Amino acid sequence: PAGYIVSQSVKAEKQVVPGDTSVTF
């Protein structure tokens, strides 16, 4: 539906540091 996320640039299982991570939806 409109307004819902279709894909993300960061894989779901990737371990990341929030303050150092950029993601594109």
PDBML (XML) file of the C-alpha atoms, coordinates in Angstrom:
<?xml version="1.0" encoding="UTF-8" ?>
<PDBx:datablock datablockName="MODEL"
   xmlns:PDBx="http://pdbml.pdb.org/schema/pdbx-v50.xsd"
   xmlns:xsi="http://www.w3.org/2001/XMLSchema-instance"
   xsi:schemaLocation="http://pdbml.pdb.org/schema/pdbx-v50.xsd pdbx-v50.xsd">
   <PDBx:atom_siteCategory>
      <PDBx:atom_site id="1">
         <PDBx:B_iso_or_equiv>0.00</PDBx:B_iso_or_equiv>
         <PDBx:Cartn_x>0.000</PDBx:Cartn_x>
         <PDBx:Cartn_y>0.000</PDBx:Cartn_y>
         <PDBx:Cartn_z>0.000</PDBx:Cartn_z>
         <PDBx:auth_asym_id>A</PDBx:auth_asym_id>
         <PDBx:auth_atom_id>CA</PDBx:auth_atom_id>
         <PDBx:auth_comp_id>PRO</PDBx:auth_comp_id>
         <PDBx:auth_seq_id>1</PDBx:auth_seq_id>
         <PDBx:group_PDB>ATOM</PDBx:group_PDB>
         <PDBx:label_alt_id xsi:nil="true" />
         <PDBx:label_asym_id>A</PDBx:label_asym_id>
         <PDBx:label_atom_id>CA</PDBx:label_atom_id>
         <PDBx:label_comp_id>PRO</PDBx:label_comp_id>
         <PDBx:label_entity_id>1</PDBx:label_entity_id>
         <PDBx:label_seq_id>1</PDBx:label_seq_id>
         <PDBx:occupancy>1.00</PDBx:occupancy>
         <PDBx:pdbx_PDB_model_num>1</PDBx:pdbx_PDB_model_num>
         <PDBx:type_symbol>C</PDBx:type_symbol>
      </PDBx:atom_site>
      <PDBx:atom_site id="2">
         <PDBx:B_iso_or_equiv>0.00</PDBx:B_iso_or_equiv>
         <PDBx:Cartn_x>0.966</PDBx:Cartn_x>
         <PDBx:Cartn_y>3.625</PDBx:Cartn_y>
         <PDBx:Cartn_z>-0.414</PDBx:Cartn_z>
         <PDBx:auth_asym_id>A</PDBx:auth_asym_id>
         <PDBx:auth_atom_id>CA</PDBx:auth_atom_id>
         <PDBx:auth_comp_id>ALA</PDBx:auth_comp_id>
         <PDBx:auth_seq_id>2</PDBx:auth_seq_id>
         <PDBx:group_PDB>ATOM</PDBx:group_PDB>
         <PDBx:label_alt_id xsi:nil="true" />
         <PDBx:label_asym_id>A</PDBx:label_asym_id>
         <PDBx:label_atom_id>CA</PDBx:label_atom_id>
         <PDBx:label_comp_id>ALA</PDBx:label_comp_id>
         <PDBx:label_entity_id>1</PDBx:label_entity_id>
         <PDBx:label_seq_id>2</PDBx:label_seq_id>
         <PDBx:occupancy>1.00</PDBx:occupancy>
         <PDBx:pdbx_PDB_model_num>1</PDBx:pdbx_PDB_model_num>
         <PDBx:type_symbol>C</PDBx:type_symbol>
      </PDBx:atom_site>
      <PDBx:atom_site id="3">
         <PDBx:B_iso_or_equiv>0.00</PDBx:B_iso_or_equiv>
         <PDBx:Cartn_x>3.261</PDBx:Cartn_x>
         <PDBx:Cartn_y>4.786</PDBx:Cartn_y>
         <PDBx:Cartn_z>2.415</PDBx:Cartn_z>
         <PDBx:auth_asym_id>A</PDBx:auth_asym_id>
         <PDBx:auth_atom_id>CA</PDBx:auth_atom_id>
         <PDBx:auth_comp_id>GLY</PDBx:auth_comp_id>
         <PDBx:auth_seq_id>3</PDBx:auth_seq_id>
         <PDBx:group_PDB>ATOM</PDBx:group_PDB>
         <PDBx:label_alt_id xsi:nil="true" />
         <PDBx:label_asym_id>A</PDBx:label_asym_id>
         <PDBx:label_atom_id>CA</PDBx:label_atom_id>
         <PDBx:label_comp_id>GLY</PDBx:label_comp_id>
         <PDBx:label_entity_id>1</PDBx:label_entity_id>
         <PDBx:label_seq_id>3</PDBx:label_seq_id>
         <PDBx:occupancy>1.00</PDBx:occupancy>
         <PDBx:pdbx_PDB_model_num>1</PDBx:pdbx_PDB_model_num>
         <PDBx:type_symbol>C</PDBx:type_symbol>
      </PDBx:atom_site>
      <PDBx:atom_site id="4">
         <PDBx:B_iso_or_equiv>0.00</PDBx:B_iso_or_equiv>
         <PDBx:Cartn_x>4.588</PDBx:Cartn_x>
         <PDBx:Cartn_y>1.281</PDBx:Cartn_y>
         <PDBx:Cartn_z>3.191</PDBx:Cartn_z>
         <PDBx:auth_asym_id>A</PDBx:auth_asym_id>
         <PDBx:auth_atom_id>CA</PDBx:auth_atom_id>
         <PDBx:auth_comp_id>TYR</PDBx:auth_comp_id>
         <PDBx:auth_seq_id>4</PDBx:auth_seq_id>
         <PDBx:group_PDB>ATOM</PDBx:group_PDB>
         <PDBx:label_alt_id xsi:nil="true" />
         <PDBx:label_asym_id>A</PDBx:label_asym_id>
         <PDBx:label_atom_id>CA</PDBx:label_atom_id>
         <PDBx:label_comp_id>TYR</PDBx:label_comp_id>
         <PDBx:label_entity_id>1</PDBx:label_entity_id>
         <PDBx:label_seq_id>4</PDBx:label_seq_id>
         <PDBx:occupancy>1.00</PDBx:occupancy>
         <PDBx:pdbx_PDB_model_num>1</PDBx:pdbx_PDB_model_num>
         <PDBx:type_symbol>C</PDBx:type_symbol>
      </PDBx:atom_site>
      <PDBx:atom_site id="5">
         <PDBx:B_iso_or_equiv>0.00</PDBx:B_iso_or_equiv>
         <PDBx:Cartn_x>8.209</PDBx:Cartn_x>
         <PDBx:Cartn_y>0.179</PDBx:Cartn_y>
         <PDBx:Cartn_z>2.730</PDBx:Cartn_z>
         <PDBx:auth_asym_id>A</PDBx:auth_asym_id>
         <PDBx:auth_atom_id>CA</PDBx:auth_atom_id>
         <PDBx:auth_comp_id>ILE</PDBx:auth_comp_id>
         <PDBx:auth_seq_id>5</PDBx:auth_seq_id>
         <PDBx:group_PDB>ATOM</PDBx:group_PDB>
         <PDBx:label_alt_id xsi:nil="true" />
         <PDBx:label_asym_id>A</PDBx:label_asym_id>
         <PDBx:label_atom_id>CA</PDBx:label_atom_id>
         <PDBx:label_comp_id>ILE</PDBx:label_comp_id>
         <PDBx:label_entity_id>1</PDBx:label_entity_id>
         <PDBx:label_seq_id>5</PDBx:label_seq_id>
         <PDBx:occupancy>1.00</PDBx:occupancy>
         <PDBx:pdbx_PDB_model_num>1</PDBx:pdbx_PDB_model_num>
         <PDBx:type_symbol>C</PDBx:type_symbol>
      </PDBx:atom_site>
      <PDBx:atom_site id="6">
         <PDBx:B_iso_or_equiv>0.00</PDBx:B_iso_or_equiv>
         <PDBx:Cartn_x>8.961</PDBx:Cartn_x>
         <PDBx:Cartn_y>-1.817</PDBx:Cartn_y>
         <PDBx:Cartn_z>-0.429</PDBx:Cartn_z>
         <PDBx:auth_asym_id>A</PDBx:auth_asym_id>
         <PDBx:auth_atom_id>CA</PDBx:auth_atom_id>
         <PDBx:auth_comp_id>VAL</PDBx:auth_comp_id>
         <PDBx:auth_seq_id>6</PDBx:auth_seq_id>
         <PDBx:group_PDB>ATOM</PDBx:group_PDB>
         <PDBx:label_alt_id xsi:nil="true" />
         <PDBx:label_asym_id>A</PDBx:label_asym_id>
         <PDBx:label_atom_id>CA</PDBx:label_atom_id>
         <PDBx:label_comp_id>VAL</PDBx:label_comp_id>
         <PDBx:label_entity_id>1</PDBx:label_entity_id>
         <PDBx:label_seq_id>6</PDBx:label_seq_id>
         <PDBx:occupancy>1.00</PDBx:occupancy>
         <PDBx:pdbx_PDB_model_num>1</PDBx:pdbx_PDB_model_num>
         <PDBx:type_symbol>C</PDBx:type_symbol>
      </PDBx:atom_site>
      <PDBx:atom_site id="7">
         <PDBx:B_iso_or_equiv>0.00</PDBx:B_iso_or_equiv>
         <PDBx:Cartn_x>12.689</PDBx:Cartn_x>
         <PDBx:Cartn_y>-2.483</PDBx:Cartn_y>
         <PDBx:Cartn_z>0.135</PDBx:Cartn_z>
         <PDBx:auth_asym_id>A</PDBx:auth_asym_id>
         <PDBx:auth_atom_id>CA</PDBx:auth_atom_id>
         <PDBx:auth_comp_id>SER</PDBx:auth_comp_id>
         <PDBx:auth_seq_id>7</PDBx:auth_seq_id>
         <PDBx:group_PDB>ATOM</PDBx:group_PDB>
         <PDBx:label_alt_id xsi:nil="true" />
         <PDBx:label_asym_id>A</PDBx:label_asym_id>
         <PDBx:label_atom_id>CA</PDBx:label_atom_id>
         <PDBx:label_comp_id>SER</PDBx:label_comp_id>
         <PDBx:label_entity_id>1</PDBx:label_entity_id>
         <PDBx:label_seq_id>7</PDBx:label_seq_id>
         <PDBx:occupancy>1.00</PDBx:occupancy>
         <PDBx:pdbx_PDB_model_num>1</PDBx:pdbx_PDB_model_num>
         <PDBx:type_symbol>C</PDBx:type_symbol>
      </PDBx:atom_site>
      <PDBx:atom_site id="8">
         <PDBx:B_iso_or_equiv>0.00</PDBx:B_iso_or_equiv>
         <PDBx:Cartn_x>15.636</PDBx:Cartn_x>
         <PDBx:Cartn_y>-1.396</PDBx:Cartn_y>
         <PDBx:Cartn_z>2.311</PDBx:Cartn_z>
         <PDBx:auth_asym_id>A</PDBx:auth_asym_id>
         <PDBx:auth_atom_id>CA</PDBx:auth_atom_id>
         <PDBx:auth_comp_id>GLN</PDBx:auth_comp_id>
         <PDBx:auth_seq_id>8</PDBx:auth_seq_id>
         <PDBx:group_PDB>ATOM</PDBx:group_PDB>
         <PDBx:label_alt_id xsi:nil="true" />
         <PDBx:label_asym_id>A</PDBx:label_asym_id>
         <PDBx:label_atom_id>CA</PDBx:label_atom_id>
         <PDBx:label_comp_id>GLN</PDBx:label_comp_id>
         <PDBx:label_entity_id>1</PDBx:label_entity_id>
         <PDBx:label_seq_id>8</PDBx:label_seq_id>
         <PDBx:occupancy>1.00</PDBx:occupancy>
         <PDBx:pdbx_PDB_model_num>1</PDBx:pdbx_PDB_model_num>
         <PDBx:type_symbol>C</PDBx:type_symbol>
      </PDBx:atom_site>
      <PDBx:atom_site id="9">
         <PDBx:B_iso_or_equiv>0.00</PDBx:B_iso_or_equiv>
         <PDBx:Cartn_x>19.299</PDBx:Cartn_x>
         <PDBx:Cartn_y>-0.825</PDBx:Cartn_y>
         <PDBx:Cartn_z>1.547</PDBx:Cartn_z>
         <PDBx:auth_asym_id>A</PDBx:auth_asym_id>
         <PDBx:auth_atom_id>CA</PDBx:auth_atom_id>
         <PDBx:auth_comp_id>SER</PDBx:auth_comp_id>
         <PDBx:auth_seq_id>9</PDBx:auth_seq_id>
         <PDBx:group_PDB>ATOM</PDBx:group_PDB>
         <PDBx:label_alt_id xsi:nil="true" />
         <PDBx:label_asym_id>A</PDBx:label_asym_id>
         <PDBx:label_atom_id>CA</PDBx:label_atom_id>
         <PDBx:label_comp_id>SER</PDBx:label_comp_id>
         <PDBx:label_entity_id>1</PDBx:label_entity_id>
         <PDBx:label_seq_id>9</PDBx:label_seq_id>
         <PDBx:occupancy>1.00</PDBx:occupancy>
         <PDBx:pdbx_PDB_model_num>1</PDBx:pdbx_PDB_model_num>
         <PDBx:type_symbol>C</PDBx:type_symbol>
      </PDBx:atom_site>
      <PDBx:atom_site id="10">
         <PDBx:B_iso_or_equiv>0.00</PDBx:B_iso_or_equiv>
         <PDBx:Cartn_x>20.531</PDBx:Cartn_x>
         <PDBx:Cartn_y>-2.558</PDBx:Cartn_y>
         <PDBx:Cartn_z>4.739</PDBx:Cartn_z>
         <PDBx:auth_asym_id>A</PDBx:auth_asym_id>
         <PDBx:auth_atom_id>CA</PDBx:auth_atom_id>
         <PDBx:auth_comp_id>VAL</PDBx:auth_comp_id>
         <PDBx:auth_seq_id>10</PDBx:auth_seq_id>
         <PDBx:group_PDB>ATOM</PDBx:group_PDB>
         <PDBx:label_alt_id xsi:nil="true" />
         <PDBx:label_asym_id>A</PDBx:label_asym_id>
         <PDBx:label_atom_id>CA</PDBx:label_atom_id>
         <PDBx:label_comp_id>VAL</PDBx:label_comp_id>
         <PDBx:label_entity_id>1</PDBx:label_entity_id>
         <PDBx:label_seq_id>10</PDBx:label_seq_id>
         <PDBx:occupancy>1.00</PDBx:occupancy>
         <PDBx:pdbx_PDB_model_num>1</PDBx:pdbx_PDB_model_num>
         <PDBx:type_symbol>C</PDBx:type_symbol>
      </PDBx:atom_site>
      <PDBx:atom_site id="11">
         <PDBx:B_iso_or_equiv>0.00</PDBx:B_iso_or_equiv>
         <PDBx:Cartn_x>19.967</PDBx:Cartn_x>
         <PDBx:Cartn_y>-6.300</PDBx:Cartn_y>
         <PDBx:Cartn_z>5.093</PDBx:Cartn_z>
         <PDBx:auth_asym_id>A</PDBx:auth_asym_id>
         <PDBx:auth_atom_id>CA</PDBx:auth_atom_id>
         <PDBx:auth_comp_id>LYS</PDBx:auth_comp_id>
         <PDBx:auth_seq_id>11</PDBx:auth_seq_id>
         <PDBx:group_PDB>ATOM</PDBx:group_PDB>
         <PDBx:label_alt_id xsi:nil="true" />
         <PDBx:label_asym_id>A</PDBx:label_asym_id>
         <PDBx:label_atom_id>CA</PDBx:label_atom_id>
         <PDBx:label_comp_id>LYS</PDBx:label_comp_id>
         <PDBx:label_entity_id>1</PDBx:label_entity_id>
         <PDBx:label_seq_id>11</PDBx:label_seq_id>
         <PDBx:occupancy>1.00</PDBx:occupancy>
         <PDBx:pdbx_PDB_model_num>1</PDBx:pdbx_PDB_model_num>
         <PDBx:type_symbol>C</PDBx:type_symbol>
      </PDBx:atom_site>
      <PDBx:atom_site id="12">
         <PDBx:B_iso_or_equiv>0.00</PDBx:B_iso_or_equiv>
         <PDBx:Cartn_x>17.723</PDBx:Cartn_x>
         <PDBx:Cartn_y>-7.344</PDBx:Cartn_y>
         <PDBx:Cartn_z>7.986</PDBx:Cartn_z>
         <PDBx:auth_asym_id>A</PDBx:auth_asym_id>
         <PDBx:auth_atom_id>CA</PDBx:auth_atom_id>
         <PDBx:auth_comp_id>ALA</PDBx:auth_comp_id>
         <PDBx:auth_seq_id>12</PDBx:auth_seq_id>
         <PDBx:group_PDB>ATOM</PDBx:group_PDB>
         <PDBx:label_alt_id xsi:nil="true" />
         <PDBx:label_asym_id>A</PDBx:label_asym_id>
         <PDBx:label_atom_id>CA</PDBx:label_atom_id>
         <PDBx:label_comp_id>ALA</PDBx:label_comp_id>
         <PDBx:label_entity_id>1</PDBx:label_entity_id>
         <PDBx:label_seq_id>12</PDBx:label_seq_id>
         <PDBx:occupancy>1.00</PDBx:occupancy>
         <PDBx:pdbx_PDB_model_num>1</PDBx:pdbx_PDB_model_num>
         <PDBx:type_symbol>C</PDBx:type_symbol>
      </PDBx:atom_site>
      <PDBx:atom_site id="13">
         <PDBx:B_iso_or_equiv>0.00</PDBx:B_iso_or_equiv>
         <PDBx:Cartn_x>20.283</PDBx:Cartn_x>
         <PDBx:Cartn_y>-9.668</PDBx:Cartn_y>
         <PDBx:Cartn_z>9.633</PDBx:Cartn_z>
         <PDBx:auth_asym_id>A</PDBx:auth_asym_id>
         <PDBx:auth_atom_id>CA</PDBx:auth_atom_id>
         <PDBx:auth_comp_id>GLU</PDBx:auth_comp_id>
         <PDBx:auth_seq_id>13</PDBx:auth_seq_id>
         <PDBx:group_PDB>ATOM</PDBx:group_PDB>
         <PDBx:label_alt_id xsi:nil="true" />
         <PDBx:label_asym_id>A</PDBx:label_asym_id>
         <PDBx:label_atom_id>CA</PDBx:label_atom_id>
         <PDBx:label_comp_id>GLU</PDBx:label_comp_id>
         <PDBx:label_entity_id>1</PDBx:label_entity_id>
         <PDBx:label_seq_id>13</PDBx:label_seq_id>
         <PDBx:occupancy>1.00</PDBx:occupancy>
         <PDBx:pdbx_PDB_model_num>1</PDBx:pdbx_PDB_model_num>
         <PDBx:type_symbol>C</PDBx:type_symbol>
      </PDBx:atom_site>
      <PDBx:atom_site id="14">
         <PDBx:B_iso_or_equiv>0.00</PDBx:B_iso_or_equiv>
         <PDBx:Cartn_x>23.207</PDBx:Cartn_x>
         <PDBx:Cartn_y>-7.244</PDBx:Cartn_y>
         <PDBx:Cartn_z>9.439</PDBx:Cartn_z>
         <PDBx:auth_asym_id>A</PDBx:auth_asym_id>
         <PDBx:auth_atom_id>CA</PDBx:auth_atom_id>
         <PDBx:auth_comp_id>LYS</PDBx:auth_comp_id>
         <PDBx:auth_seq_id>14</PDBx:auth_seq_id>
         <PDBx:group_PDB>ATOM</PDBx:group_PDB>
         <PDBx:label_alt_id xsi:nil="true" />
         <PDBx:label_asym_id>A</PDBx:label_asym_id>
         <PDBx:label_atom_id>CA</PDBx:label_atom_id>
         <PDBx:label_comp_id>LYS</PDBx:label_comp_id>
         <PDBx:label_entity_id>1</PDBx:label_entity_id>
         <PDBx:label_seq_id>14</PDBx:label_seq_id>
         <PDBx:occupancy>1.00</PDBx:occupancy>
         <PDBx:pdbx_PDB_model_num>1</PDBx:pdbx_PDB_model_num>
         <PDBx:type_symbol>C</PDBx:type_symbol>
      </PDBx:atom_site>
      <PDBx:atom_site id="15">
         <PDBx:B_iso_or_equiv>0.00</PDBx:B_iso_or_equiv>
         <PDBx:Cartn_x>24.689</PDBx:Cartn_x>
         <PDBx:Cartn_y>-6.237</PDBx:Cartn_y>
         <PDBx:Cartn_z>12.802</PDBx:Cartn_z>
         <PDBx:auth_asym_id>A</PDBx:auth_asym_id>
         <PDBx:auth_atom_id>CA</PDBx:auth_atom_id>
         <PDBx:auth_comp_id>GLN</PDBx:auth_comp_id>
         <PDBx:auth_seq_id>15</PDBx:auth_seq_id>
         <PDBx:group_PDB>ATOM</PDBx:group_PDB>
         <PDBx:label_alt_id xsi:nil="true" />
         <PDBx:label_asym_id>A</PDBx:label_asym_id>
         <PDBx:label_atom_id>CA</PDBx:label_atom_id>
         <PDBx:label_comp_id>GLN</PDBx:label_comp_id>
         <PDBx:label_entity_id>1</PDBx:label_entity_id>
         <PDBx:label_seq_id>15</PDBx:label_seq_id>
         <PDBx:occupancy>1.00</PDBx:occupancy>
         <PDBx:pdbx_PDB_model_num>1</PDBx:pdbx_PDB_model_num>
         <PDBx:type_symbol>C</PDBx:type_symbol>
      </PDBx:atom_site>
      <PDBx:atom_site id="16">
         <PDBx:B_iso_or_equiv>0.00</PDBx:B_iso_or_equiv>
         <PDBx:Cartn_x>25.108</PDBx:Cartn_x>
         <PDBx:Cartn_y>-2.450</PDBx:Cartn_y>
         <PDBx:Cartn_z>12.834</PDBx:Cartn_z>
         <PDBx:auth_asym_id>A</PDBx:auth_asym_id>
         <PDBx:auth_atom_id>CA</PDBx:auth_atom_id>
         <PDBx:auth_comp_id>VAL</PDBx:auth_comp_id>
         <PDBx:auth_seq_id>16</PDBx:auth_seq_id>
         <PDBx:group_PDB>ATOM</PDBx:group_PDB>
         <PDBx:label_alt_id xsi:nil="true" />
         <PDBx:label_asym_id>A</PDBx:label_asym_id>
         <PDBx:label_atom_id>CA</PDBx:label_atom_id>
         <PDBx:label_comp_id>VAL</PDBx:label_comp_id>
         <PDBx:label_entity_id>1</PDBx:label_entity_id>
         <PDBx:label_seq_id>16</PDBx:label_seq_id>
         <PDBx:occupancy>1.00</PDBx:occupancy>
         <PDBx:pdbx_PDB_model_num>1</PDBx:pdbx_PDB_model_num>
         <PDBx:type_symbol>C</PDBx:type_symbol>
      </PDBx:atom_site>
      <PDBx:atom_site id="17">
         <PDBx:B_iso_or_equiv>0.00</PDBx:B_iso_or_equiv>
         <PDBx:Cartn_x>25.891</PDBx:Cartn_x>
         <PDBx:Cartn_y>0.483</PDBx:Cartn_y>
         <PDBx:Cartn_z>15.104</PDBx:Cartn_z>
         <PDBx:auth_asym_id>A</PDBx:auth_asym_id>
         <PDBx:auth_atom_id>CA</PDBx:auth_atom_id>
         <PDBx:auth_comp_id>VAL</PDBx:auth_comp_id>
         <PDBx:auth_seq_id>17</PDBx:auth_seq_id>
         <PDBx:group_PDB>ATOM</PDBx:group_PDB>
         <PDBx:label_alt_id xsi:nil="true" />
         <PDBx:label_asym_id>A</PDBx:label_asym_id>
         <PDBx:label_atom_id>CA</PDBx:label_atom_id>
         <PDBx:label_comp_id>VAL</PDBx:label_comp_id>
         <PDBx:label_entity_id>1</PDBx:label_entity_id>
         <PDBx:label_seq_id>17</PDBx:label_seq_id>
         <PDBx:occupancy>1.00</PDBx:occupancy>
         <PDBx:pdbx_PDB_model_num>1</PDBx:pdbx_PDB_model_num>
         <PDBx:type_symbol>C</PDBx:type_symbol>
      </PDBx:atom_site>
      <PDBx:atom_site id="18">
         <PDBx:B_iso_or_equiv>0.00</PDBx:B_iso_or_equiv>
         <PDBx:Cartn_x>22.833</PDBx:Cartn_x>
         <PDBx:Cartn_y>2.788</PDBx:Cartn_y>
         <PDBx:Cartn_z>14.980</PDBx:Cartn_z>
         <PDBx:auth_asym_id>A</PDBx:auth_asym_id>
         <PDBx:auth_atom_id>CA</PDBx:auth_atom_id>
         <PDBx:auth_comp_id>PRO</PDBx:auth_comp_id>
         <PDBx:auth_seq_id>18</PDBx:auth_seq_id>
         <PDBx:group_PDB>ATOM</PDBx:group_PDB>
         <PDBx:label_alt_id xsi:nil="true" />
         <PDBx:label_asym_id>A</PDBx:label_asym_id>
         <PDBx:label_atom_id>CA</PDBx:label_atom_id>
         <PDBx:label_comp_id>PRO</PDBx:label_comp_id>
         <PDBx:label_entity_id>1</PDBx:label_entity_id>
         <PDBx:label_seq_id>18</PDBx:label_seq_id>
         <PDBx:occupancy>1.00</PDBx:occupancy>
         <PDBx:pdbx_PDB_model_num>1</PDBx:pdbx_PDB_model_num>
         <PDBx:type_symbol>C</PDBx:type_symbol>
      </PDBx:atom_site>
      <PDBx:atom_site id="19">
         <PDBx:B_iso_or_equiv>0.00</PDBx:B_iso_or_equiv>
         <PDBx:Cartn_x>24.766</PDBx:Cartn_x>
         <PDBx:Cartn_y>6.050</PDBx:Cartn_y>
         <PDBx:Cartn_z>15.113</PDBx:Cartn_z>
         <PDBx:auth_asym_id>A</PDBx:auth_asym_id>
         <PDBx:auth_atom_id>CA</PDBx:auth_atom_id>
         <PDBx:auth_comp_id>GLY</PDBx:auth_comp_id>
         <PDBx:auth_seq_id>19</PDBx:auth_seq_id>
         <PDBx:group_PDB>ATOM</PDBx:group_PDB>
         <PDBx:label_alt_id xsi:nil="true" />
         <PDBx:label_asym_id>A</PDBx:label_asym_id>
         <PDBx:label_atom_id>CA</PDBx:label_atom_id>
         <PDBx:label_comp_id>GLY</PDBx:label_comp_id>
         <PDBx:label_entity_id>1</PDBx:label_entity_id>
         <PDBx:label_seq_id>19</PDBx:label_seq_id>
         <PDBx:occupancy>1.00</PDBx:occupancy>
         <PDBx:pdbx_PDB_model_num>1</PDBx:pdbx_PDB_model_num>
         <PDBx:type_symbol>C</PDBx:type_symbol>
      </PDBx:atom_site>
      <PDBx:atom_site id="20">
         <PDBx:B_iso_or_equiv>0.00</PDBx:B_iso_or_equiv>
         <PDBx:Cartn_x>27.054</PDBx:Cartn_x>
         <PDBx:Cartn_y>4.974</PDBx:Cartn_y>
         <PDBx:Cartn_z>12.259</PDBx:Cartn_z>
         <PDBx:auth_asym_id>A</PDBx:auth_asym_id>
         <PDBx:auth_atom_id>CA</PDBx:auth_atom_id>
         <PDBx:auth_comp_id>ASP</PDBx:auth_comp_id>
         <PDBx:auth_seq_id>20</PDBx:auth_seq_id>
         <PDBx:group_PDB>ATOM</PDBx:group_PDB>
         <PDBx:label_alt_id xsi:nil="true" />
         <PDBx:label_asym_id>A</PDBx:label_asym_id>
         <PDBx:label_atom_id>CA</PDBx:label_atom_id>
         <PDBx:label_comp_id>ASP</PDBx:label_comp_id>
         <PDBx:label_entity_id>1</PDBx:label_entity_id>
         <PDBx:label_seq_id>20</PDBx:label_seq_id>
         <PDBx:occupancy>1.00</PDBx:occupancy>
         <PDBx:pdbx_PDB_model_num>1</PDBx:pdbx_PDB_model_num>
         <PDBx:type_symbol>C</PDBx:type_symbol>
      </PDBx:atom_site>
      <PDBx:atom_site id="21">
         <PDBx:B_iso_or_equiv>0.00</PDBx:B_iso_or_equiv>
         <PDBx:Cartn_x>24.404</PDBx:Cartn_x>
         <PDBx:Cartn_y>3.525</PDBx:Cartn_y>
         <PDBx:Cartn_z>9.940</PDBx:Cartn_z>
         <PDBx:auth_asym_id>A</PDBx:auth_asym_id>
         <PDBx:auth_atom_id>CA</PDBx:auth_atom_id>
         <PDBx:auth_comp_id>THR</PDBx:auth_comp_id>
         <PDBx:auth_seq_id>21</PDBx:auth_seq_id>
         <PDBx:group_PDB>ATOM</PDBx:group_PDB>
         <PDBx:label_alt_id xsi:nil="true" />
         <PDBx:label_asym_id>A</PDBx:label_asym_id>
         <PDBx:label_atom_id>CA</PDBx:label_atom_id>
         <PDBx:label_comp_id>THR</PDBx:label_comp_id>
         <PDBx:label_entity_id>1</PDBx:label_entity_id>
         <PDBx:label_seq_id>21</PDBx:label_seq_id>
         <PDBx:occupancy>1.00</PDBx:occupancy>
         <PDBx:pdbx_PDB_model_num>1</PDBx:pdbx_PDB_model_num>
         <PDBx:type_symbol>C</PDBx:type_symbol>
      </PDBx:atom_site>
      <PDBx:atom_site id="22">
         <PDBx:B_iso_or_equiv>0.00</PDBx:B_iso_or_equiv>
         <PDBx:Cartn_x>22.572</PDBx:Cartn_x>
         <PDBx:Cartn_y>5.119</PDBx:Cartn_y>
         <PDBx:Cartn_z>7.034</PDBx:Cartn_z>
         <PDBx:auth_asym_id>A</PDBx:auth_asym_id>
         <PDBx:auth_atom_id>CA</PDBx:auth_atom_id>
         <PDBx:auth_comp_id>SER</PDBx:auth_comp_id>
         <PDBx:auth_seq_id>22</PDBx:auth_seq_id>
         <PDBx:group_PDB>ATOM</PDBx:group_PDB>
         <PDBx:label_alt_id xsi:nil="true" />
         <PDBx:label_asym_id>A</PDBx:label_asym_id>
         <PDBx:label_atom_id>CA</PDBx:label_atom_id>
         <PDBx:label_comp_id>SER</PDBx:label_comp_id>
         <PDBx:label_entity_id>1</PDBx:label_entity_id>
         <PDBx:label_seq_id>22</PDBx:label_seq_id>
         <PDBx:occupancy>1.00</PDBx:occupancy>
         <PDBx:pdbx_PDB_model_num>1</PDBx:pdbx_PDB_model_num>
         <PDBx:type_symbol>C</PDBx:type_symbol>
      </PDBx:atom_site>
      <PDBx:atom_site id="23">
         <PDBx:B_iso_or_equiv>0.00</PDBx:B_iso_or_equiv>
         <PDBx:Cartn_x>19.631</PDBx:Cartn_x>
         <PDBx:Cartn_y>3.368</PDBx:Cartn_y>
         <PDBx:Cartn_z>5.378</PDBx:Cartn_z>
         <PDBx:auth_asym_id>A</PDBx:auth_asym_id>
         <PDBx:auth_atom_id>CA</PDBx:auth_atom_id>
         <PDBx:auth_comp_id>VAL</PDBx:auth_comp_id>
         <PDBx:auth_seq_id>23</PDBx:auth_seq_id>
         <PDBx:group_PDB>ATOM</PDBx:group_PDB>
         <PDBx:label_alt_id xsi:nil="true" />
         <PDBx:label_asym_id>A</PDBx:label_asym_id>
         <PDBx:label_atom_id>CA</PDBx:label_atom_id>
         <PDBx:label_comp_id>VAL</PDBx:label_comp_id>
         <PDBx:label_entity_id>1</PDBx:label_entity_id>
         <PDBx:label_seq_id>23</PDBx:label_seq_id>
         <PDBx:occupancy>1.00</PDBx:occupancy>
         <PDBx:pdbx_PDB_model_num>1</PDBx:pdbx_PDB_model_num>
         <PDBx:type_symbol>C</PDBx:type_symbol>
      </PDBx:atom_site>
      <PDBx:atom_site id="24">
         <PDBx:B_iso_or_equiv>0.00</PDBx:B_iso_or_equiv>
         <PDBx:Cartn_x>17.533</PDBx:Cartn_x>
         <PDBx:Cartn_y>4.141</PDBx:Cartn_y>
         <PDBx:Cartn_z>2.332</PDBx:Cartn_z>
         <PDBx:auth_asym_id>A</PDBx:auth_asym_id>
         <PDBx:auth_atom_id>CA</PDBx:auth_atom_id>
         <PDBx:auth_comp_id>THR</PDBx:auth_comp_id>
         <PDBx:auth_seq_id>24</PDBx:auth_seq_id>
         <PDBx:group_PDB>ATOM</PDBx:group_PDB>
         <PDBx:label_alt_id xsi:nil="true" />
         <PDBx:label_asym_id>A</PDBx:label_asym_id>
         <PDBx:label_atom_id>CA</PDBx:label_atom_id>
         <PDBx:label_comp_id>THR</PDBx:label_comp_id>
         <PDBx:label_entity_id>1</PDBx:label_entity_id>
         <PDBx:label_seq_id>24</PDBx:label_seq_id>
         <PDBx:occupancy>1.00</PDBx:occupancy>
         <PDBx:pdbx_PDB_model_num>1</PDBx:pdbx_PDB_model_num>
         <PDBx:type_symbol>C</PDBx:type_symbol>
      </PDBx:atom_site>
      <PDBx:atom_site id="25">
         <PDBx:B_iso_or_equiv>0.00</PDBx:B_iso_or_equiv>
         <PDBx:Cartn_x>13.968</PDBx:Cartn_x>
         <PDBx:Cartn_y>2.884</PDBx:Cartn_y>
         <PDBx:Cartn_z>2.162</PDBx:Cartn_z>
         <PDBx:auth_asym_id>A</PDBx:auth_asym_id>
         <PDBx:auth_atom_id>CA</PDBx:auth_atom_id>
         <PDBx:auth_comp_id>PHE</PDBx:auth_comp_id>
         <PDBx:auth_seq_id>25</PDBx:auth_seq_id>
         <PDBx:group_PDB>ATOM</PDBx:group_PDB>
         <PDBx:label_alt_id xsi:nil="true" />
         <PDBx:label_asym_id>A</PDBx:label_asym_id>
         <PDBx:label_atom_id>CA</PDBx:label_atom_id>
         <PDBx:label_comp_id>PHE</PDBx:label_comp_id>
         <PDBx:label_entity_id>1</PDBx:label_entity_id>
         <PDBx:label_seq_id>25</PDBx:label_seq_id>
         <PDBx:occupancy>1.00</PDBx:occupancy>
         <PDBx:pdbx_PDB_model_num>1</PDBx:pdbx_PDB_model_num>
         <PDBx:type_symbol>C</PDBx:type_symbol>
      </PDBx:atom_site>
   </PDBx:atom_siteCategory>
</PDBx:datablock>
